[in-house]
Amino acid sequence: ESQLSDQGVLRITAKKKTIENPQIKNIPIQFSSTKNDKQ
């Protein structure tokens, strides 16, 4: 459950950041890669 929540929150945060600062788009992608690595 916490993993799903984490991903959901991360996605929402990424979307909000992308709307505010499109240049930050690359940062959330890096976070996702790190999380996949741990799995």
N, C-alpha and C. Protein backbone atom coordinates (compact mmCIF):
# COMPACT_ATOMS: atom_id res chain seq x y z
N GLU A 1 0.84 -1.20 0.00
CA GLU A 1 0.00 0.00 0.00
C GLU A 1 0.87 1.25 0.00
N SER A 2 1.90 1.24 0.83
CA SER A 2 2.75 2.44 0.91
C SER A 2 3.44 2.68 -0.44
N GLN A 3 3.81 1.58 -1.13
CA GLN A 3 4.46 1.76 -2.43
C GLN A 3 3.51 2.43 -3.40
N LEU A 4 2.26 1.94 -3.45
CA LEU A 4 1.27 2.55 -4.36
C LEU A 4 1.09 4.01 -4.00
N SER A 5 0.94 4.29 -2.71
CA SER A 5 0.77 5.68 -2.27
C SER A 5 1.97 6.51 -2.71
N ASP A 6 3.16 5.98 -2.45
CA ASP A 6 4.38 6.70 -2.83
C ASP A 6 4.36 7.05 -4.31
N GLN A 7 4.08 6.06 -5.14
CA GLN A 7 4.08 6.31 -6.59
C GLN A 7 3.01 7.33 -6.95
N GLY A 8 1.83 7.19 -6.36
CA GLY A 8 0.74 8.12 -6.66
C GLY A 8 1.13 9.54 -6.28
N VAL A 9 1.64 9.70 -5.07
CA VAL A 9 2.04 11.03 -4.61
C VAL A 9 3.15 11.56 -5.50
N LEU A 10 4.12 10.71 -5.82
CA LEU A 10 5.24 11.15 -6.66
C LEU A 10 4.72 11.61 -8.01
N ARG A 11 3.77 10.88 -8.56
CA ARG A 11 3.24 11.24 -9.88
C ARG A 11 2.52 12.58 -9.80
N ILE A 12 1.69 12.74 -8.77
CA ILE A 12 0.95 14.01 -8.62
C ILE A 12 1.95 15.15 -8.46
N THR A 13 2.95 14.95 -7.61
CA THR A 13 3.96 15.99 -7.41
C THR A 13 4.66 16.30 -8.72
N ALA A 14 5.02 15.27 -9.45
CA ALA A 14 5.70 15.47 -10.73
C ALA A 14 4.82 16.27 -11.67
N LYS A 15 3.54 15.92 -11.73
CA LYS A 15 2.63 16.65 -12.62
C LYS A 15 2.56 18.12 -12.21
N LYS A 16 2.39 18.38 -10.91
CA LYS A 16 2.29 19.77 -10.45
C LYS A 16 3.58 20.52 -10.79
N LYS A 17 4.72 19.89 -10.51
CA LYS A 17 6.01 20.55 -10.80
C LYS A 17 6.13 20.81 -12.30
N THR A 18 5.70 19.84 -13.08
CA THR A 18 5.81 20.01 -14.54
C THR A 18 4.98 21.20 -14.99
N ILE A 19 3.79 21.35 -14.41
CA ILE A 19 2.93 22.49 -14.79
C ILE A 19 3.61 23.80 -14.37
N GLU A 20 4.18 23.81 -13.16
CA GLU A 20 4.82 25.03 -12.67
C GLU A 20 6.12 25.30 -13.42
N ASN A 21 6.96 24.29 -13.52
CA ASN A 21 8.28 24.44 -14.17
C ASN A 21 8.52 23.27 -15.11
N PRO A 22 8.18 23.41 -16.38
CA PRO A 22 8.36 22.29 -17.32
C PRO A 22 9.79 21.78 -17.36
N GLN A 23 10.76 22.62 -17.00
CA GLN A 23 12.17 22.19 -17.06
C GLN A 23 12.45 21.10 -16.02
N ILE A 24 11.64 21.04 -14.97
CA ILE A 24 11.88 20.05 -13.90
C ILE A 24 11.43 18.66 -14.34
N LYS A 25 10.83 18.56 -15.52
CA LYS A 25 10.29 17.28 -15.99
C LYS A 25 11.34 16.16 -15.86
N ASN A 26 12.60 16.46 -16.05
CA ASN A 26 13.62 15.40 -16.02
C ASN A 26 13.83 14.86 -14.61
N ILE A 27 13.60 15.67 -13.60
CA ILE A 27 13.90 15.24 -12.22
C ILE A 27 12.99 14.08 -11.77
N PRO A 28 11.66 14.19 -11.93
CA PRO A 28 10.80 13.08 -11.50
C PRO A 28 11.14 11.77 -12.21
N ILE A 29 11.54 11.84 -13.46
CA ILE A 29 11.90 10.63 -14.21
C ILE A 29 13.10 9.96 -13.52
N GLN A 30 14.07 10.74 -13.08
CA GLN A 30 15.24 10.16 -12.41
C GLN A 30 14.80 9.47 -11.12
N PHE A 31 13.90 10.11 -10.37
CA PHE A 31 13.42 9.51 -9.12
C PHE A 31 12.76 8.16 -9.42
N SER A 32 11.96 8.11 -10.45
CA SER A 32 11.28 6.87 -10.81
C SER A 32 12.31 5.78 -11.12
N SER A 33 13.35 6.13 -11.85
CA SER A 33 14.38 5.14 -12.20
C SER A 33 15.00 4.59 -10.92
N THR A 34 15.29 5.46 -9.96
CA THR A 34 15.90 5.01 -8.70
C THR A 34 14.97 4.05 -7.98
N LYS A 35 13.69 4.37 -7.94
CA LYS A 35 12.73 3.50 -7.23
C LYS A 35 12.67 2.14 -7.92
N ASN A 36 12.64 2.11 -9.23
CA ASN A 36 12.60 0.84 -9.95
C ASN A 36 13.85 0.02 -9.66
N ASP A 37 14.97 0.70 -9.52
CA ASP A 37 16.23 0.00 -9.23
C ASP A 37 16.12 -0.74 -7.89
N LYS A 38 15.56 -0.09 -6.87
CA LYS A 38 15.45 -0.71 -5.55
C LYS A 38 14.56 -1.94 -5.62
N GLN A 39 13.50 -1.88 -6.42
CA GLN A 39 12.60 -3.04 -6.54
C GLN A 39 13.37 -4.20 -7.14
